[in-house]
Amino acid sequence: MLNAALGSLLAVPLSIPSPSEGVWHLGPVPLRGYALCIILGVAAAIWIGEKRWVARGGTAGEVMDIAIWAVPFGIVGGRLYHVATDWELYFGEGRRPIEALYVWNGGLGIWGAIALGGVGAWIGARSRGIRFLPLADALAPGLLVAQAIGRWGNWFNQELFGKPTDLPWGLEVSDAVARAAGFAPGTTFHPTFLYECLWNLAAFAVLIVLDRRLRLGHGRVLALYVVAYTTGRVWNEMLRIDDVQLENVLGLRWNVWTSIILFVGAVAYLVVTRGRGREEEVYVDGFERPATVADGKADTKADTKADAKTDAKTDTGADVEPGATTERE
């Protein structure tokens, strides 16, 4: 009886269903699953980055201030990268160029987002006298969590999935999406969004552990982030079947080559900077560390104690000889 029950259970097909819709309306206001995932990812990255930055010696609130620069730059950079590598989707025959601005429909290239977002972070850091590499090391692990959350936006949009599979965790898509991909309705696919999510979370844990044990600095955490992410991205990209303009560049997708080049560059940087410890100072020479509430309290207590000692020395009750000076002068 037990064997029969197990056999019946195993005979039931298992799969991951896709959402029936990716947009909800609150009156005239649309709430898009893709956008919500991006926003939640950014919020998580800022929160993690803030904790790590303060632990590195930075001041609370600075990561949020820098995010005001980095996030818009990152969104623009991500979109520019996507449009530049898939420009026929928007500027080909019969296409609508205005749709290049429709970020909510999906299409943010991670490397464009990281590159231009880094420029925004550099501008924000420079204006506050912050050294960029310590800041980058503090922020890098949180990027992996942001990407892990953001990938669920592809689930809401039913996009960027992998090859067909009969595995129990195959992804279901709508009949229209399956036909558009060239497959029969009911076909299940590799959930590459889930693979990348899990990979990024595992990479995040590894980076946190290595940073705590080795006290990494000088951009080495950022380099490890690139190594970890590109390693997972290569095999994940090889599974995907979405149409891309640069599908065959010397036998590989453009994004695969990008990941390989960045992986090699990051490894080379780690080799060149081996043996370097962590920076003791996170602010540029000549810039004073911003005062915090805790600092203000500490300074007030110190000043009070100093004044008390001075008053005690002055008010000793001893006569002061003519011409003599006191410590208060």
C-alpha atoms as a PDB file:
ATOM      1  CA  MET A   1       0.000   0.000   0.000  1.00  0.00           C
ATOM      2  CA  LEU A   2       2.831   2.370   0.901  1.00  0.00           C
ATOM      3  CA  ASN A   3       4.594   1.675  -2.392  1.00  0.00           C
ATOM      4  CA  ALA A   4       1.363   2.318  -4.285  1.00  0.00           C
ATOM      5  CA  ALA A   5       0.879   5.628  -2.474  1.00  0.00           C
ATOM      6  CA  LEU A   6       4.447   6.725  -3.199  1.00  0.00           C
ATOM      7  CA  GLY A   7       4.039   5.675  -6.817  1.00  0.00           C
ATOM      8  CA  SER A   8       0.887   7.740  -7.129  1.00  0.00           C
ATOM      9  CA  LEU A   9       2.610  10.733  -5.535  1.00  0.00           C
ATOM     10  CA  LEU A  10       5.589  10.524  -7.871  1.00  0.00           C
ATOM     11  CA  ALA A  11       3.273  10.215 -10.834  1.00  0.00           C
ATOM     12  CA  VAL A  12       1.828  13.650 -10.118  1.00  0.00           C
ATOM     13  CA  PRO A  13       3.734  16.151 -12.267  1.00  0.00           C
ATOM     14  CA  LEU A  14       5.454  18.867 -10.272  1.00  0.00           C
ATOM     15  CA  SER A  15       6.317  22.273 -11.652  1.00  0.00           C
ATOM     16  CA  ILE A  16       6.634  25.955 -10.810  1.00  0.00           C
ATOM     17  CA  PRO A  17       3.597  27.913 -12.009  1.00  0.00           C
ATOM     18  CA  SER A  18       4.016  31.401 -13.421  1.00  0.00           C
ATOM     19  CA  PRO A  19       1.829  34.232 -12.114  1.00  0.00           C
ATOM     20  CA  SER A  20      -1.418  34.628 -13.999  1.00  0.00           C
ATOM     21  CA  GLU A  21      -0.659  38.341 -14.249  1.00  0.00           C
ATOM     22  CA  GLY A  22       2.252  40.616 -13.545  1.00  0.00           C
ATOM     23  CA  VAL A  23       0.381  43.907 -13.185  1.00  0.00           C
ATOM     24  CA  TRP A  24      -2.223  44.931 -10.634  1.00  0.00           C
ATOM     25  CA  HIS A  25      -4.166  48.181 -10.601  1.00  0.00           C
ATOM     26  CA  LEU A  26      -4.982  50.399  -7.661  1.00  0.00           C
ATOM     27  CA  GLY A  27      -7.473  52.557  -9.479  1.00  0.00           C
ATOM     28  CA  PRO A  28      -5.538  54.185 -12.323  1.00  0.00           C
ATOM     29  CA  VAL A  29      -2.164  53.314 -10.796  1.00  0.00           C
ATOM     30  CA  PRO A  30      -0.516  50.121 -12.135  1.00  0.00           C
ATOM     31  CA  LEU A  31       1.609  48.028  -9.774  1.00  0.00           C
ATOM     32  CA  ARG A  32       4.040  45.946 -11.806  1.00  0.00           C
ATOM     33  CA  GLY A  33       5.660  42.848 -10.364  1.00  0.00           C
ATOM     34  CA  TYR A  34       8.896  43.523 -12.241  1.00  0.00           C
ATOM     35  CA  ALA A  35       9.199  47.043 -10.835  1.00  0.00           C
ATOM     36  CA  LEU A  36       8.367  45.901  -7.302  1.00  0.00           C
ATOM     37  CA  CYS A  37      11.138  43.296  -7.439  1.00  0.00           C
ATOM     38  CA  ILE A  38      13.657  45.903  -8.602  1.00  0.00           C
ATOM     39  CA  ILE A  39      12.599  48.311  -5.842  1.00  0.00           C
ATOM     40  CA  LEU A  40      12.789  45.620  -3.148  1.00  0.00           C
ATOM     41  CA  GLY A  41      16.217  44.574  -4.425  1.00  0.00           C
ATOM     42  CA  VAL A  42      17.515  48.139  -4.299  1.00  0.00           C
ATOM     43  CA  ALA A  43      16.136  48.596  -0.774  1.00  0.00           C
ATOM     44  CA  ALA A  44      17.834  45.391   0.385  1.00  0.00           C
ATOM     45  CA  ALA A  45      21.159  46.426  -1.155  1.00  0.00           C
ATOM     46  CA  ILE A  46      21.010  49.824   0.561  1.00  0.00           C
ATOM     47  CA  TRP A  47      20.162  48.281   3.941  1.00  0.00           C
ATOM     48  CA  ILE A  48      22.968  45.714   3.740  1.00  0.00           C
ATOM     49  CA  GLY A  49      25.404  48.283   2.390  1.00  0.00           C
ATOM     50  CA  GLU A  50      24.550  50.701   5.210  1.00  0.00           C
ATOM     51  CA  LYS A  51      25.258  48.058   7.865  1.00  0.00           C
ATOM     52  CA  ARG A  52      28.553  47.098   6.271  1.00  0.00           C
ATOM     53  CA  TRP A  53      29.622  50.704   5.677  1.00  0.00           C
ATOM     54  CA  VAL A  54      29.098  51.680   9.315  1.00  0.00           C
ATOM     55  CA  ALA A  55      31.029  48.558  10.383  1.00  0.00           C
ATOM     56  CA  ARG A  56      33.893  49.672   8.121  1.00  0.00           C
ATOM     57  CA  GLY A  57      34.068  53.032   9.904  1.00  0.00           C
ATOM     58  CA  GLY A  58      31.687  55.052   7.771  1.00  0.00           C
ATOM     59  CA  THR A  59      28.839  57.244   8.960  1.00  0.00           C
ATOM     60  CA  ALA A  60      25.214  56.129   9.107  1.00  0.00           C
ATOM     61  CA  GLY A  61      23.090  57.630   6.355  1.00  0.00           C
ATOM     62  CA  GLU A  62      25.861  58.030   3.819  1.00  0.00           C
ATOM     63  CA  VAL A  63      24.910  54.965   1.768  1.00  0.00           C
ATOM     64  CA  MET A  64      21.389  56.316   1.355  1.00  0.00           C
ATOM     65  CA  ASP A  65      22.807  59.656   0.249  1.00  0.00           C
ATOM     66  CA  ILE A  66      25.074  57.969  -2.292  1.00  0.00           C
ATOM     67  CA  ALA A  67      22.189  55.803  -3.519  1.00  0.00           C
ATOM     68  CA  ILE A  68      20.459  58.990  -4.671  1.00  0.00           C
ATOM     69  CA  TRP A  69      23.247  59.193  -7.257  1.00  0.00           C
ATOM     70  CA  ALA A  70      23.900  55.513  -7.872  1.00  0.00           C
ATOM     71  CA  VAL A  71      20.358  54.183  -8.395  1.00  0.00           C
ATOM     72  CA  PRO A  72      19.250  56.545 -11.215  1.00  0.00           C
ATOM     73  CA  PHE A  73      22.634  56.168 -12.901  1.00  0.00           C
ATOM     74  CA  GLY A  74      22.319  52.389 -12.589  1.00  0.00           C
ATOM     75  CA  ILE A  75      18.840  52.259 -14.115  1.00  0.00           C
ATOM     76  CA  VAL A  76      19.929  54.415 -17.044  1.00  0.00           C
ATOM     77  CA  GLY A  77      23.098  52.350 -17.507  1.00  0.00           C
ATOM     78  CA  GLY A  78      21.218  49.075 -17.362  1.00  0.00           C
ATOM     79  CA  ARG A  79      18.736  50.224 -19.953  1.00  0.00           C
ATOM     80  CA  LEU A  80      21.422  51.648 -22.248  1.00  0.00           C
ATOM     81  CA  TYR A  81      23.321  48.348 -22.143  1.00  0.00           C
ATOM     82  CA  HIS A  82      20.180  46.379 -22.966  1.00  0.00           C
ATOM     83  CA  VAL A  83      19.160  48.648 -25.838  1.00  0.00           C
ATOM     84  CA  ALA A  84      22.719  48.771 -27.220  1.00  0.00           C
ATOM     85  CA  THR A  85      23.009  44.971 -27.319  1.00  0.00           C
ATOM     86  CA  ASP A  86      19.431  44.368 -28.537  1.00  0.00           C
ATOM     87  CA  TRP A  87      18.776  47.514 -30.520  1.00  0.00           C
ATOM     88  CA  GLU A  88      16.749  45.703 -33.211  1.00  0.00           C
ATOM     89  CA  LEU A  89      13.980  45.190 -30.657  1.00  0.00           C
ATOM     90  CA  TYR A  90      13.383  48.929 -30.698  1.00  0.00           C
ATOM     91  CA  PHE A  91      14.876  50.337 -33.894  1.00  0.00           C
ATOM     92  CA  GLY A  92      14.375  47.494 -36.387  1.00  0.00           C
ATOM     93  CA  GLU A  93      11.789  47.436 -39.116  1.00  0.00           C
ATOM     94  CA  GLY A  94       8.272  47.795 -37.767  1.00  0.00           C
ATOM     95  CA  ARG A  95       9.517  48.558 -34.240  1.00  0.00           C
ATOM     96  CA  ARG A  96       8.610  51.499 -32.002  1.00  0.00           C
ATOM     97  CA  PRO A  97      11.702  53.374 -30.720  1.00  0.00           C
ATOM     98  CA  ILE A  98       9.661  54.909 -27.883  1.00  0.00           C
ATOM     99  CA  GLU A  99       9.507  51.449 -26.284  1.00  0.00           C
ATOM    100  CA  ALA A 100      13.215  51.730 -25.517  1.00  0.00           C
ATOM    101  CA  LEU A 101      12.057  53.887 -22.605  1.00  0.00           C
ATOM    102  CA  TYR A 102       9.594  51.289 -21.284  1.00  0.00           C
ATOM    103  CA  VAL A 103      11.780  49.982 -18.476  1.00  0.00           C
ATOM    104  CA  TRP A 104       8.800  48.375 -16.744  1.00  0.00           C
ATOM    105  CA  ASN A 105       8.506  45.831 -19.562  1.00  0.00           C
ATOM    106  CA  GLY A 106      11.866  44.345 -18.583  1.00  0.00           C
ATOM    107  CA  GLY A 107      15.296  44.772 -20.035  1.00  0.00           C
ATOM    108  CA  LEU A 108      18.024  46.004 -17.681  1.00  0.00           C
ATOM    109  CA  GLY A 109      21.551  44.849 -18.523  1.00  0.00           C
ATOM    110  CA  ILE A 110      23.355  44.145 -15.262  1.00  0.00           C
ATOM    111  CA  TRP A 111      26.772  45.248 -16.475  1.00  0.00           C
ATOM    112  CA  GLY A 112      25.478  48.572 -17.698  1.00  0.00           C
ATOM    113  CA  ALA A 113      23.741  49.035 -14.359  1.00  0.00           C
ATOM    114  CA  ILE A 114      26.899  48.197 -12.403  1.00  0.00           C
ATOM    115  CA  ALA A 115      29.140  50.361 -14.595  1.00  0.00           C
ATOM    116  CA  LEU A 116      27.038  53.524 -14.659  1.00  0.00           C
ATOM    117  CA  GLY A 117      25.748  52.935 -11.134  1.00  0.00           C
ATOM    118  CA  GLY A 118      29.398  52.809 -10.060  1.00  0.00           C
ATOM    119  CA  VAL A 119      29.951  56.187 -11.709  1.00  0.00           C
ATOM    120  CA  GLY A 120      27.041  57.611  -9.737  1.00  0.00           C
ATOM    121  CA  ALA A 121      28.405  56.098  -6.516  1.00  0.00           C
ATOM    122  CA  TRP A 122      31.848  57.562  -7.273  1.00  0.00           C
ATOM    123  CA  ILE A 123      30.356  61.026  -7.760  1.00  0.00           C
ATOM    124  CA  GLY A 124      28.419  60.753  -4.504  1.00  0.00           C
ATOM    125  CA  ALA A 125      31.451  59.431  -2.622  1.00  0.00           C
ATOM    126  CA  ARG A 126      33.762  62.115  -3.993  1.00  0.00           C
ATOM    127  CA  SER A 127      31.400  64.889  -2.918  1.00  0.00           C
ATOM    128  CA  ARG A 128      31.536  63.552   0.650  1.00  0.00           C
ATOM    129  CA  GLY A 129      35.253  62.863   0.855  1.00  0.00           C
ATOM    130  CA  ILE A 130      34.751  59.078   0.892  1.00  0.00           C
ATOM    131  CA  ARG A 131      37.329  56.660  -0.518  1.00  0.00           C
ATOM    132  CA  PHE A 132      35.631  54.754  -3.317  1.00  0.00           C
ATOM    133  CA  LEU A 133      37.223  51.301  -2.910  1.00  0.00           C
ATOM    134  CA  PRO A 134      36.237  50.824   0.756  1.00  0.00           C
ATOM    135  CA  LEU A 135      32.737  51.950  -0.182  1.00  0.00           C
ATOM    136  CA  ALA A 136      32.613  49.527  -3.125  1.00  0.00           C
ATOM    137  CA  ASP A 137      33.722  46.670  -0.876  1.00  0.00           C
ATOM    138  CA  ALA A 138      30.966  47.524   1.597  1.00  0.00           C
ATOM    139  CA  LEU A 139      28.292  47.630  -1.106  1.00  0.00           C
ATOM    140  CA  ALA A 140      29.321  44.657  -3.273  1.00  0.00           C
ATOM    141  CA  PRO A 141      27.727  41.766  -1.307  1.00  0.00           C
ATOM    142  CA  GLY A 142      24.407  43.589  -1.159  1.00  0.00           C
ATOM    143  CA  LEU A 143      24.366  43.768  -4.952  1.00  0.00           C
ATOM    144  CA  LEU A 144      24.067  39.988  -5.053  1.00  0.00           C
ATOM    145  CA  VAL A 145      20.982  40.108  -2.840  1.00  0.00           C
ATOM    146  CA  ALA A 146      19.510  42.876  -4.993  1.00  0.00           C
ATOM    147  CA  GLN A 147      20.052  40.777  -8.110  1.00  0.00           C
ATOM    148  CA  ALA A 148      18.586  37.693  -6.422  1.00  0.00           C
ATOM    149  CA  ILE A 149      15.390  39.594  -5.618  1.00  0.00           C
ATOM    150  CA  GLY A 150      15.299  41.429  -8.931  1.00  0.00           C
ATOM    151  CA  ARG A 151      15.400  38.185 -10.923  1.00  0.00           C
ATOM    152  CA  TRP A 152      11.895  37.372  -9.693  1.00  0.00           C
ATOM    153  CA  GLY A 153      10.748  40.191 -11.938  1.00  0.00           C
ATOM    154  CA  ASN A 154      11.495  37.851 -14.854  1.00  0.00           C
ATOM    155  CA  TRP A 155       9.119  35.336 -13.255  1.00  0.00           C
ATOM    156  CA  PHE A 156       6.337  37.915 -13.209  1.00  0.00           C
ATOM    157  CA  ASN A 157       7.050  38.819 -16.839  1.00  0.00           C
ATOM    158  CA  GLN A 158       7.406  35.154 -17.932  1.00  0.00           C
ATOM    159  CA  GLU A 159      10.696  35.910 -19.654  1.00  0.00           C
ATOM    160  CA  LEU A 160      14.348  34.818 -19.816  1.00  0.00           C
ATOM    161  CA  PHE A 161      13.626  31.183 -18.933  1.00  0.00           C
ATOM    162  CA  GLY A 162      15.785  28.273 -20.022  1.00  0.00           C
ATOM    163  CA  LYS A 163      15.532  25.229 -22.245  1.00  0.00           C
ATOM    164  CA  PRO A 164      12.651  22.734 -21.953  1.00  0.00           C
ATOM    165  CA  THR A 165      12.961  20.292 -19.068  1.00  0.00           C
ATOM    166  CA  ASP A 166      10.988  17.467 -17.455  1.00  0.00           C
ATOM    167  CA  LEU A 167      12.545  18.100 -14.048  1.00  0.00           C
ATOM    168  CA  PRO A 168      10.065  18.452 -11.165  1.00  0.00           C
ATOM    169  CA  TRP A 169      10.899  22.146 -10.797  1.00  0.00           C
ATOM    170  CA  GLY A 170      10.253  22.980 -14.449  1.00  0.00           C
ATOM    171  CA  LEU A 171       8.672  26.380 -15.030  1.00  0.00           C
ATOM    172  CA  GLU A 172       5.169  26.643 -16.429  1.00  0.00           C
ATOM    173  CA  VAL A 173       4.380  29.513 -18.769  1.00  0.00           C
ATOM    174  CA  SER A 174       1.220  30.564 -20.551  1.00  0.00           C
ATOM    175  CA  ASP A 175       0.322  28.883 -23.837  1.00  0.00           C
ATOM    176  CA  ALA A 176       0.957  32.123 -25.716  1.00  0.00           C
ATOM    177  CA  VAL A 177       4.447  32.480 -24.225  1.00  0.00           C
ATOM    178  CA  ALA A 178       5.278  28.850 -24.975  1.00  0.00           C
ATOM    179  CA  ARG A 179       4.173  29.234 -28.602  1.00  0.00           C
ATOM    180  CA  ALA A 180       6.138  32.473 -28.961  1.00  0.00           C
ATOM    181  CA  ALA A 181       9.230  30.567 -27.782  1.00  0.00           C
ATOM    182  CA  GLY A 182       8.574  27.903 -30.423  1.00  0.00           C
ATOM    183  CA  PHE A 183       7.257  25.137 -28.159  1.00  0.00           C
ATOM    184  CA  ALA A 184       3.953  23.392 -27.613  1.00  0.00           C
ATOM    185  CA  PRO A 185       1.620  24.562 -24.847  1.00  0.00           C
ATOM    186  CA  GLY A 186       2.266  22.693 -21.612  1.00  0.00           C
ATOM    187  CA  THR A 187       6.040  22.581 -22.106  1.00  0.00           C
ATOM    188  CA  THR A 188       7.974  23.346 -18.925  1.00  0.00           C
ATOM    189  CA  PHE A 189      11.313  25.139 -18.906  1.00  0.00           C
ATOM    190  CA  HIS A 190      14.381  25.580 -16.716  1.00  0.00           C
ATOM    191  CA  PRO A 191      13.583  28.384 -14.218  1.00  0.00           C
ATOM    192  CA  THR A 192      16.804  30.301 -14.796  1.00  0.00           C
ATOM    193  CA  PHE A 193      15.520  33.165 -12.659  1.00  0.00           C
ATOM    194  CA  LEU A 194      15.406  30.770  -9.692  1.00  0.00           C
ATOM    195  CA  TYR A 195      18.833  29.306 -10.455  1.00  0.00           C
ATOM    196  CA  GLU A 196      20.396  32.756 -10.512  1.00  0.00           C
ATOM    197  CA  CYS A 197      18.552  33.789  -7.362  1.00  0.00           C
ATOM    198  CA  LEU A 198      19.873  30.802  -5.407  1.00  0.00           C
ATOM    199  CA  TRP A 199      23.377  31.197  -6.846  1.00  0.00           C
ATOM    200  CA  ASN A 200      23.495  34.869  -5.876  1.00  0.00           C
ATOM    201  CA  LEU A 201      22.334  34.198  -2.327  1.00  0.00           C
ATOM    202  CA  ALA A 202      24.966  31.475  -1.918  1.00  0.00           C
ATOM    203  CA  ALA A 203      27.636  33.816  -3.337  1.00  0.00           C
ATOM    204  CA  PHE A 204      26.513  36.514  -0.898  1.00  0.00           C
ATOM    205  CA  ALA A 205      27.051  34.156   2.040  1.00  0.00           C
ATOM    206  CA  VAL A 206      30.511  33.176   0.761  1.00  0.00           C
ATOM    207  CA  LEU A 207      31.571  36.814   0.339  1.00  0.00           C
ATOM    208  CA  ILE A 208      30.425  37.708   3.852  1.00  0.00           C
ATOM    209  CA  VAL A 209      32.372  34.816   5.376  1.00  0.00           C
ATOM    210  CA  LEU A 210      35.547  35.538   3.385  1.00  0.00           C
ATOM    211  CA  ASP A 211      35.414  39.230   4.189  1.00  0.00           C
ATOM    212  CA  ARG A 212      35.065  38.569   7.918  1.00  0.00           C
ATOM    213  CA  ARG A 213      37.869  36.022   8.027  1.00  0.00           C
ATOM    214  CA  LEU A 214      40.343  37.721   5.698  1.00  0.00           C
ATOM    215  CA  ARG A 215      39.461  41.390   6.345  1.00  0.00           C
ATOM    216  CA  LEU A 216      39.471  42.173   2.648  1.00  0.00           C
ATOM    217  CA  GLY A 217      39.998  45.668   1.319  1.00  0.00           C
ATOM    218  CA  HIS A 218      41.219  47.752  -1.627  1.00  0.00           C
ATOM    219  CA  GLY A 219      38.343  46.611  -3.868  1.00  0.00           C
ATOM    220  CA  ARG A 220      38.958  42.899  -3.353  1.00  0.00           C
ATOM    221  CA  VAL A 221      35.407  42.212  -2.148  1.00  0.00           C
ATOM    222  CA  LEU A 222      34.126  43.885  -5.312  1.00  0.00           C
ATOM    223  CA  ALA A 223      36.465  41.725  -7.395  1.00  0.00           C
ATOM    224  CA  LEU A 224      35.228  38.579  -5.639  1.00  0.00           C
ATOM    225  CA  TYR A 225      31.665  39.689  -6.359  1.00  0.00           C
ATOM    226  CA  VAL A 226      32.513  39.850 -10.070  1.00  0.00           C
ATOM    227  CA  VAL A 227      34.173  36.421  -9.950  1.00  0.00           C
ATOM    228  CA  ALA A 228      31.243  34.820  -8.139  1.00  0.00           C
ATOM    229  CA  TYR A 229      28.521  36.388 -10.241  1.00  0.00           C
ATOM    230  CA  THR A 230      30.133  35.787 -13.623  1.00  0.00           C
ATOM    231  CA  THR A 231      30.798  32.138 -12.766  1.00  0.00           C
ATOM    232  CA  GLY A 232      27.109  31.542 -12.206  1.00  0.00           C
ATOM    233  CA  ARG A 233      26.039  33.781 -15.066  1.00  0.00           C
ATOM    234  CA  VAL A 234      27.995  31.805 -17.690  1.00  0.00           C
ATOM    235  CA  TRP A 235      26.250  28.487 -17.099  1.00  0.00           C
ATOM    236  CA  ASN A 236      22.912  30.178 -16.510  1.00  0.00           C
ATOM    237  CA  GLU A 237      23.211  32.131 -19.755  1.00  0.00           C
ATOM    238  CA  MET A 238      23.988  28.922 -21.648  1.00  0.00           C
ATOM    239  CA  LEU A 239      20.607  27.535 -20.545  1.00  0.00           C
ATOM    240  CA  ARG A 240      18.543  30.483 -21.719  1.00  0.00           C
ATOM    241  CA  ILE A 241      16.630  30.361 -24.997  1.00  0.00           C
ATOM    242  CA  ASP A 242      15.383  33.947 -25.230  1.00  0.00           C
ATOM    243  CA  ASP A 243      16.116  35.653 -28.529  1.00  0.00           C
ATOM    244  CA  VAL A 244      19.025  38.072 -28.357  1.00  0.00           C
ATOM    245  CA  GLN A 245      20.566  40.054 -31.161  1.00  0.00           C
ATOM    246  CA  LEU A 246      24.145  39.009 -30.344  1.00  0.00           C
ATOM    247  CA  GLU A 247      23.303  35.312 -30.149  1.00  0.00           C
ATOM    248  CA  ASN A 248      26.432  34.020 -31.849  1.00  0.00           C
ATOM    249  CA  VAL A 249      29.647  35.929 -31.257  1.00  0.00           C
ATOM    250  CA  LEU A 250      32.442  33.475 -32.049  1.00  0.00           C
ATOM    251  CA  GLY A 251      30.119  30.663 -31.018  1.00  0.00           C
ATOM    252  CA  LEU A 252      28.880  32.199 -27.753  1.00  0.00           C
ATOM    253  CA  ARG A 253      26.350  34.757 -26.649  1.00  0.00           C
ATOM    254  CA  TRP A 254      27.631  38.271 -26.078  1.00  0.00           C
ATOM    255  CA  ASN A 255      26.721  38.091 -22.379  1.00  0.00           C
ATOM    256  CA  VAL A 256      28.771  34.918 -22.010  1.00  0.00           C
ATOM    257  CA  TRP A 257      31.823  36.635 -23.486  1.00  0.00           C
ATOM    258  CA  THR A 258      31.234  39.647 -21.248  1.00  0.00           C
ATOM    259  CA  SER A 259      31.141  37.393 -18.191  1.00  0.00           C
ATOM    260  CA  ILE A 260      34.317  35.558 -19.244  1.00  0.00           C
ATOM    261  CA  ILE A 261      36.233  38.794 -19.836  1.00  0.00           C
ATOM    262  CA  LEU A 262      35.120  40.301 -16.538  1.00  0.00           C
ATOM    263  CA  PHE A 263      35.928  37.057 -14.695  1.00  0.00           C
ATOM    264  CA  VAL A 264      39.487  37.088 -16.058  1.00  0.00           C
ATOM    265  CA  GLY A 265      39.880  40.767 -15.215  1.00  0.00           C
ATOM    266  CA  ALA A 266      38.634  40.285 -11.652  1.00  0.00           C
ATOM    267  CA  VAL A 267      40.925  37.309 -11.061  1.00  0.00           C
ATOM    268  CA  ALA A 268      43.875  39.297 -12.414  1.00  0.00           C
ATOM    269  CA  TYR A 269      43.038  42.139 -10.020  1.00  0.00           C
ATOM    270  CA  LEU A 270      42.916  39.712  -7.081  1.00  0.00           C
ATOM    271  CA  VAL A 271      46.351  38.379  -8.026  1.00  0.00           C
ATOM    272  CA  VAL A 272      47.867  41.836  -8.394  1.00  0.00           C
ATOM    273  CA  THR A 273      46.447  43.033  -5.063  1.00  0.00           C
ATOM    274  CA  ARG A 274      47.182  39.877  -3.078  1.00  0.00           C
ATOM    275  CA  GLY A 275      48.551  40.476   0.377  1.00  0.00           C
ATOM    276  CA  ARG A 276      46.854  43.817   0.811  1.00  0.00           C
ATOM    277  CA  GLY A 277      44.921  44.217   4.013  1.00  0.00           C
ATOM    278  CA  ARG A 278      41.945  46.380   4.793  1.00  0.00           C
ATOM    279  CA  GLU A 279      42.120  50.166   4.741  1.00  0.00           C
ATOM    280  CA  GLU A 280      42.071  51.721   8.182  1.00  0.00           C
ATOM    281  CA  GLU A 281      40.710  55.035   6.899  1.00  0.00           C
ATOM    282  CA  VAL A 282      37.636  55.260   4.694  1.00  0.00           C
ATOM    283  CA  TYR A 283      37.702  59.019   4.213  1.00  0.00           C
ATOM    284  CA  VAL A 284      39.989  60.996   1.926  1.00  0.00           C
ATOM    285  CA  ASP A 285      42.852  62.849   3.614  1.00  0.00           C
ATOM    286  CA  GLY A 286      41.825  66.408   4.394  1.00  0.00           C
ATOM    287  CA  PHE A 287      38.143  65.538   4.903  1.00  0.00           C
ATOM    288  CA  GLU A 288      36.910  65.284   8.463  1.00  0.00           C
ATOM    289  CA  ARG A 289      34.694  62.372   9.416  1.00  0.00           C
ATOM    290  CA  PRO A 290      31.115  63.654   9.692  1.00  0.00           C
ATOM    291  CA  ALA A 291      29.925  63.983  13.278  1.00  0.00           C
ATOM    292  CA  THR A 292      27.227  61.602  14.435  1.00  0.00           C
ATOM    293  CA  VAL A 293      24.809  61.846  17.331  1.00  0.00           C
ATOM    294  CA  ALA A 294      27.007  59.469  19.317  1.00  0.00           C
ATOM    295  CA  ASP A 295      30.072  61.578  18.544  1.00  0.00           C
ATOM    296  CA  GLY A 296      28.252  64.703  19.702  1.00  0.00           C
ATOM    297  CA  LYS A 297      27.352  63.104  23.020  1.00  0.00           C
ATOM    298  CA  ALA A 298      30.898  61.893  23.515  1.00  0.00           C
ATOM    299  CA  ASP A 299      32.329  65.341  22.747  1.00  0.00           C
ATOM    300  CA  THR A 300      29.896  67.013  25.142  1.00  0.00           C
ATOM    301  CA  LYS A 301      30.873  64.641  27.948  1.00  0.00           C
ATOM    302  CA  ALA A 302      34.549  65.167  27.260  1.00  0.00           C
ATOM    303  CA  ASP A 303      34.177  68.969  27.257  1.00  0.00           C
ATOM    304  CA  THR A 304      32.193  68.860  30.497  1.00  0.00           C
ATOM    305  CA  LYS A 305      34.878  66.778  32.211  1.00  0.00           C
ATOM    306  CA  ALA A 306      37.622  69.076  30.947  1.00  0.00           C
ATOM    307  CA  ASP A 307      35.796  72.180  32.216  1.00  0.00           C
ATOM    308  CA  ALA A 308      35.206  70.521  35.562  1.00  0.00           C
ATOM    309  CA  LYS A 309      38.891  69.720  35.974  1.00  0.00           C
ATOM    310  CA  THR A 310      39.858  73.278  35.051  1.00  0.00           C
ATOM    311  CA  ASP A 311      37.363  74.753  37.499  1.00  0.00           C
ATOM    312  CA  ALA A 312      38.623  72.444  40.233  1.00  0.00           C
ATOM    313  CA  LYS A 313      42.210  73.550  39.698  1.00  0.00           C
ATOM    314  CA  THR A 314      41.239  77.246  39.669  1.00  0.00           C
ATOM    315  CA  ASP A 315      38.911  77.187  42.673  1.00  0.00           C
ATOM    316  CA  THR A 316      41.394  75.638  45.138  1.00  0.00           C
ATOM    317  CA  GLY A 317      40.951  78.386  47.712  1.00  0.00           C
ATOM    318  CA  ALA A 318      44.650  79.301  47.499  1.00  0.00           C
ATOM    319  CA  ASP A 319      45.668  82.939  47.214  1.00  0.00           C
ATOM    320  CA  VAL A 320      47.022  83.887  43.819  1.00  0.00           C
ATOM    321  CA  GLU A 321      50.156  85.917  43.966  1.00  0.00           C
ATOM    322  CA  PRO A 322      50.281  89.169  41.999  1.00  0.00           C
ATOM    323  CA  GLY A 323      51.545  88.561  38.469  1.00  0.00           C
ATOM    324  CA  ALA A 324      50.820  84.841  38.600  1.00  0.00           C
ATOM    325  CA  THR A 325      48.702  83.260  35.901  1.00  0.00           C
ATOM    326  CA  THR A 326      46.070  80.568  36.145  1.00  0.00           C
ATOM    327  CA  GLU A 327      45.281  77.677  33.822  1.00  0.00           C
ATOM    328  CA  ARG A 328      42.128  79.394  32.644  1.00  0.00           C
ATOM    329  CA  GLU A 329      44.006  82.286  31.038  1.00  0.00           C
END
